[in-house]
Amino acid sequence: MKSSDKDYILQIADEFYAEKKYANAIELYQKVNSAFSGTEQAADIAFKQADANFQDKNYRLAAHQFKTFYITNPTDPRAEEAAYRSAYAFYTDSPVYNLDQTSTLSAINELQSFINMYPESSRVPEANGYINELREKLEKKYFEIAKIYYKTLKYKAAAIAFDNMLDDYPDTKLREEAMMYSLRSKYELGVNYSRFETQELRLQNAMTQYKLFVKAYPDSKFKSEADKINQKVEAEMVKHKEIAAKIEKAKADAEAANQDNKS
């Protein structure tokens, strides 16, 4: 680190790298890389530095360094490897579903970019597998967020969240359960959490959700519950229309009486 001989520093950095002393190698590569900028060694230093960071579990930094490598050196024989490693580093950095998913989204984007750039690569099936795995993690996160809304009686937010999830991930493995939660949320909104003037529309939304659910899953394990919910919604709709008719009749009678008084 104290030496001013760039060739000597690079030699020792490469030795550390070969010995898998990645933290030491990283430190020396950082010290010397600017000195070799524009030289034949520059690409090799950049690739080894990115790989050393990956091996040292500095995944996010490695991802950015691999990305910089393949953008800066598109004709290098290692460009495809770097593009894949960049995406894989983001994938490795992706946390469990209930934490921030920035790396997950970055990994999906990078994996898709890799597939677009190298559609004939032998790694495309593997990259697609990682994308599916990461998408399932996002589905799980959004599903659990929507469930929290439901469990805390925020039924309007829950219905919106479940429907948005189903729109964004139509092939999700959680689709049946998410549709059922959407029905439960819309039922609660229509029957227990509506002003009279908004109730009819919300009851109609619940009835529509029921029809969508039983059409998609006629043999669902939730079918009995869904049928009971729909029966309650239909009964509530009958009550609502009866009250609405009485209100309209009262208005008409009042208007008629008013006209008689004016006469």
Protein backbone atom coordinates (compact mmCIF):
# COMPACT_ATOMS: atom_id res chain seq x y z
CA MET A 1 0.00 0.00 0.00
CA LYS A 2 2.94 2.34 0.60
CA SER A 3 4.67 1.47 -2.65
CA SER A 4 4.63 3.87 -5.60
CA ASP A 5 5.53 1.10 -8.07
CA LYS A 6 2.27 0.36 -9.87
CA ASP A 7 3.58 -2.83 -11.47
CA TYR A 8 4.66 -4.17 -8.09
CA ILE A 9 1.29 -3.28 -6.54
CA LEU A 10 -0.56 -5.03 -9.37
CA GLN A 11 1.68 -8.10 -9.03
CA ILE A 12 0.89 -8.42 -5.32
CA ALA A 13 -2.82 -7.74 -5.95
CA ASP A 14 -2.90 -10.59 -8.47
CA GLU A 15 -1.13 -12.86 -5.99
CA PHE A 16 -3.66 -12.07 -3.29
CA TYR A 17 -6.45 -12.68 -5.82
CA ALA A 18 -4.97 -16.06 -6.79
CA GLU A 19 -4.67 -16.97 -3.11
CA LYS A 20 -8.35 -15.99 -2.58
CA LYS A 21 -7.36 -13.21 -0.18
CA TYR A 22 -10.03 -11.09 -1.77
CA ALA A 23 -10.21 -8.23 0.75
CA ASN A 24 -6.46 -7.61 0.36
CA ALA A 25 -6.68 -7.86 -3.42
CA ILE A 26 -9.59 -5.39 -3.54
CA GLU A 27 -7.64 -2.83 -1.55
CA LEU A 28 -4.66 -3.00 -3.89
CA TYR A 29 -6.77 -3.01 -7.07
CA GLN A 30 -8.51 0.13 -5.83
CA LYS A 31 -5.12 1.77 -5.27
CA VAL A 32 -3.72 0.93 -8.66
CA ASN A 33 -6.64 0.84 -11.13
CA SER A 34 -6.46 4.54 -12.10
CA ALA A 35 -2.75 4.19 -12.81
CA PHE A 36 -3.52 1.55 -15.44
CA SER A 37 -6.44 3.40 -17.02
CA GLY A 38 -6.27 3.12 -20.81
CA THR A 39 -3.72 0.31 -20.74
CA GLU A 40 -4.06 -3.32 -21.76
CA GLN A 41 -4.21 -4.34 -18.10
CA ALA A 42 -7.17 -2.08 -17.29
CA ALA A 43 -9.88 -4.53 -18.33
CA ASP A 44 -8.25 -7.41 -16.46
CA ILE A 45 -7.99 -5.31 -13.29
CA ALA A 46 -11.63 -4.23 -13.56
CA PHE A 47 -12.87 -7.80 -14.02
CA LYS A 48 -10.78 -9.21 -11.16
CA GLN A 49 -11.83 -6.37 -8.87
CA ALA A 50 -15.50 -7.06 -9.60
CA ASP A 51 -15.00 -10.79 -9.05
CA ALA A 52 -13.07 -10.20 -5.82
CA ASN A 53 -15.92 -8.07 -4.49
CA PHE A 54 -18.39 -10.77 -5.42
CA GLN A 55 -16.31 -13.48 -3.70
CA ASP A 56 -16.02 -11.18 -0.65
CA LYS A 57 -19.85 -10.95 -0.62
CA ASN A 58 -19.93 -7.26 -1.58
CA TYR A 59 -22.70 -8.18 -4.00
CA ARG A 60 -24.16 -4.79 -4.80
CA LEU A 61 -20.77 -3.26 -5.47
CA ALA A 62 -19.78 -6.29 -7.55
CA ALA A 63 -22.98 -5.98 -9.56
CA HIS A 64 -22.22 -2.37 -10.49
CA GLN A 65 -18.58 -3.15 -11.29
CA PHE A 66 -19.50 -6.07 -13.56
CA LYS A 67 -22.07 -3.85 -15.27
CA THR A 68 -19.48 -1.11 -15.81
CA PHE A 69 -17.12 -3.74 -17.21
CA TYR A 70 -19.46 -5.06 -19.92
CA ILE A 71 -20.61 -1.57 -20.88
CA THR A 72 -17.01 -0.31 -21.09
CA ASN A 73 -15.61 -3.45 -22.75
CA PRO A 74 -18.40 -4.78 -25.01
CA THR A 75 -15.98 -6.72 -27.26
CA ASP A 76 -14.03 -8.31 -24.43
CA PRO A 77 -14.42 -12.13 -24.36
CA ARG A 78 -15.60 -11.78 -20.75
CA ALA A 79 -18.40 -9.28 -21.54
CA GLU A 80 -21.11 -11.97 -21.53
CA GLU A 81 -19.75 -13.41 -18.29
CA ALA A 82 -19.74 -9.93 -16.72
CA ALA A 83 -23.30 -9.21 -17.83
CA TYR A 84 -24.48 -12.45 -16.28
CA ARG A 85 -22.45 -11.96 -13.11
CA SER A 86 -23.86 -8.46 -12.68
CA ALA A 87 -27.41 -9.83 -12.77
CA TYR A 88 -26.48 -12.78 -10.57
CA ALA A 89 -24.85 -10.47 -8.00
CA PHE A 90 -28.11 -8.51 -7.70
CA TYR A 91 -29.96 -11.82 -7.43
CA THR A 92 -27.65 -12.95 -4.62
CA ASP A 93 -28.18 -9.63 -2.84
CA SER A 94 -31.97 -10.00 -2.97
CA PRO A 95 -33.28 -10.25 0.62
CA VAL A 96 -36.21 -12.18 2.10
CA TYR A 97 -39.61 -11.05 0.83
CA ASN A 98 -40.56 -8.86 3.80
CA LEU A 99 -37.54 -6.54 3.43
CA ASP A 100 -36.81 -3.80 0.90
CA GLN A 101 -36.85 -5.32 -2.59
CA THR A 102 -34.68 -2.79 -4.47
CA SER A 103 -32.08 -5.44 -5.26
CA THR A 104 -34.81 -7.85 -6.34
CA LEU A 105 -36.17 -5.37 -8.88
CA SER A 106 -32.63 -4.58 -10.08
CA ALA A 107 -31.90 -8.29 -10.43
CA ILE A 108 -35.01 -8.87 -12.55
CA ASN A 109 -34.10 -5.94 -14.80
CA GLU A 110 -30.48 -7.08 -15.15
CA LEU A 111 -31.43 -10.70 -15.81
CA GLN A 112 -33.88 -9.62 -18.49
CA SER A 113 -31.25 -7.32 -20.01
CA PHE A 114 -28.83 -10.26 -20.11
CA ILE A 115 -31.41 -12.41 -21.89
CA ASN A 116 -32.08 -9.62 -24.38
CA MET A 117 -28.37 -9.11 -25.06
CA TYR A 118 -27.44 -12.78 -25.24
CA PRO A 119 -30.59 -14.68 -26.30
CA GLU A 120 -28.50 -17.65 -27.49
CA SER A 121 -26.53 -17.97 -24.26
CA SER A 122 -26.56 -21.32 -22.48
CA ARG A 123 -27.36 -19.37 -19.31
CA VAL A 124 -30.72 -18.06 -20.54
CA PRO A 125 -32.74 -20.94 -18.97
CA GLU A 126 -30.98 -20.34 -15.66
CA ALA A 127 -31.61 -16.60 -15.90
CA ASN A 128 -35.31 -17.21 -16.60
CA GLY A 129 -35.46 -19.48 -13.57
CA TYR A 130 -34.02 -16.74 -11.37
CA ILE A 131 -36.52 -14.22 -12.77
CA ASN A 132 -39.42 -16.53 -11.89
CA GLU A 133 -38.03 -17.05 -8.39
CA LEU A 134 -37.64 -13.29 -7.83
CA ARG A 135 -41.10 -12.55 -9.18
CA GLU A 136 -42.56 -15.06 -6.73
CA LYS A 137 -40.77 -13.21 -3.94
CA LEU A 138 -42.36 -9.92 -5.04
CA GLU A 139 -45.76 -11.59 -5.30
CA LYS A 140 -45.37 -12.88 -1.75
CA LYS A 141 -44.41 -9.42 -0.49
CA TYR A 142 -47.41 -7.70 -2.11
CA PHE A 143 -49.72 -10.50 -0.97
CA GLU A 144 -48.58 -10.14 2.64
CA ILE A 145 -48.96 -6.35 2.51
CA ALA A 146 -52.53 -6.75 1.26
CA LYS A 147 -53.21 -9.27 4.04
CA ILE A 148 -52.04 -6.75 6.62
CA TYR A 149 -54.60 -4.26 5.27
CA TYR A 150 -57.28 -6.95 5.57
CA LYS A 151 -56.31 -8.00 9.09
CA THR A 152 -56.29 -4.37 10.28
CA LEU A 153 -59.82 -3.86 8.87
CA LYS A 154 -58.65 -1.57 6.05
CA TYR A 155 -60.89 -3.37 3.61
CA LYS A 156 -60.88 -0.76 0.85
CA ALA A 157 -57.08 -0.71 0.77
CA ALA A 158 -57.03 -4.51 0.96
CA ALA A 159 -59.38 -4.93 -2.00
CA ILE A 160 -57.33 -2.52 -4.09
CA ALA A 161 -54.04 -4.17 -3.07
CA PHE A 162 -55.23 -7.70 -3.88
CA ASP A 163 -56.70 -6.62 -7.22
CA ASN A 164 -53.50 -4.75 -8.15
CA MET A 165 -51.43 -7.80 -7.28
CA LEU A 166 -53.65 -9.99 -9.46
CA ASP A 167 -53.33 -7.52 -12.35
CA ASP A 168 -49.55 -7.31 -12.01
CA TYR A 169 -49.01 -11.06 -11.50
CA PRO A 170 -51.85 -12.86 -13.32
CA ASP A 171 -50.04 -16.22 -13.19
CA THR A 172 -49.17 -16.10 -9.50
CA LYS A 173 -49.44 -19.30 -7.46
CA LEU A 174 -51.28 -17.19 -4.87
CA ARG A 175 -54.05 -16.22 -7.30
CA GLU A 176 -56.83 -18.36 -5.79
CA GLU A 177 -56.19 -17.14 -2.26
CA ALA A 178 -55.76 -13.53 -3.38
CA MET A 179 -59.07 -13.61 -5.24
CA MET A 180 -60.75 -14.99 -2.14
CA TYR A 181 -59.29 -12.26 0.03
CA SER A 182 -60.51 -9.71 -2.51
CA LEU A 183 -64.03 -11.18 -2.22
CA ARG A 184 -63.88 -11.09 1.59
CA SER A 185 -62.71 -7.46 1.51
CA LYS A 186 -65.44 -6.38 -0.90
CA TYR A 187 -68.04 -8.22 1.16
CA GLU A 188 -66.98 -6.38 4.32
CA LEU A 189 -67.02 -3.08 2.46
CA GLY A 190 -70.46 -3.68 1.01
CA VAL A 191 -72.18 -5.15 4.06
CA ASN A 192 -70.49 -3.59 7.07
CA TYR A 193 -68.56 -0.51 5.98
CA SER A 194 -70.71 1.45 3.56
CA ARG A 195 -72.86 4.53 3.66
CA PHE A 196 -76.25 3.98 2.12
CA GLU A 197 -75.38 5.97 -1.01
CA THR A 198 -72.25 3.88 -1.72
CA GLN A 199 -73.58 0.50 -0.61
CA GLU A 200 -75.26 -0.63 -3.83
CA LEU A 201 -72.09 -0.18 -5.91
CA ARG A 202 -69.98 -1.97 -3.31
CA LEU A 203 -72.43 -4.86 -3.11
CA GLN A 204 -72.33 -5.12 -6.89
CA ASN A 205 -68.52 -5.20 -6.75
CA ALA A 206 -68.69 -8.07 -4.26
CA MET A 207 -71.14 -9.99 -6.44
CA THR A 208 -68.92 -9.49 -9.48
CA GLN A 209 -65.89 -10.70 -7.52
CA TYR A 210 -67.83 -13.81 -6.50
CA LYS A 211 -68.69 -14.59 -10.12
CA LEU A 212 -65.05 -14.15 -11.17
CA PHE A 213 -63.88 -16.38 -8.34
CA VAL A 214 -66.26 -19.30 -8.94
CA LYS A 215 -65.62 -19.13 -12.67
CA ALA A 216 -61.86 -19.34 -12.13
CA TYR A 217 -62.03 -21.90 -9.30
CA PRO A 218 -65.31 -23.86 -9.42
CA ASP A 219 -63.86 -26.59 -7.20
CA SER A 220 -62.00 -24.31 -4.81
CA LYS A 221 -61.52 -25.25 -1.18
CA PHE A 222 -63.00 -21.79 -0.47
CA LYS A 223 -66.15 -22.46 -2.54
CA SER A 224 -68.44 -23.02 0.46
CA GLU A 225 -67.27 -19.82 2.13
CA ALA A 226 -67.62 -17.90 -1.13
CA ASP A 227 -71.20 -19.18 -1.61
CA LYS A 228 -72.17 -18.06 1.90
CA ILE A 229 -70.67 -14.65 1.33
CA ASN A 230 -72.58 -14.26 -1.92
CA GLN A 231 -75.85 -15.27 -0.27
CA LYS A 232 -75.33 -12.60 2.39
CA VAL A 233 -74.46 -10.02 -0.25
CA GLU A 234 -77.56 -10.85 -2.29
CA ALA A 235 -79.75 -10.63 0.82
CA GLU A 236 -78.22 -7.27 1.69
CA MET A 237 -78.85 -6.08 -1.86
CA VAL A 238 -82.54 -6.99 -1.54
CA LYS A 239 -82.76 -5.01 1.72
CA HIS A 240 -80.96 -2.08 0.17
CA LYS A 241 -83.31 -1.96 -2.81
CA GLU A 242 -86.35 -2.21 -0.56
CA ILE A 243 -85.13 0.72 1.52
CA ALA A 244 -84.22 2.66 -1.60
CA ALA A 245 -87.71 2.08 -2.99
CA LYS A 246 -89.28 3.31 0.26
CA ILE A 247 -87.09 6.40 0.19
CA GLU A 248 -88.06 7.13 -3.39
CA LYS A 249 -91.74 6.60 -2.56
CA ALA A 250 -91.46 8.92 0.43
CA LYS A 251 -89.83 11.56 -1.75
CA ALA A 252 -92.53 11.19 -4.37
CA ASP A 253 -95.28 11.41 -1.74
CA ALA A 254 -93.64 14.46 -0.19
CA GLU A 255 -93.33 16.13 -3.59
CA ALA A 256 -96.97 15.33 -4.39
CA ALA A 257 -98.10 16.74 -1.03
CA ASN A 258 -96.06 19.85 -1.67
CA GLN A 259 -97.72 20.33 -5.03
CA ASP A 260 -101.17 19.90 -3.44
CA ASN A 261 -100.33 22.54 -0.85
CA LYS A 262 -99.27 24.95 -3.56
CA SER A 263 -102.54 24.33 -5.37
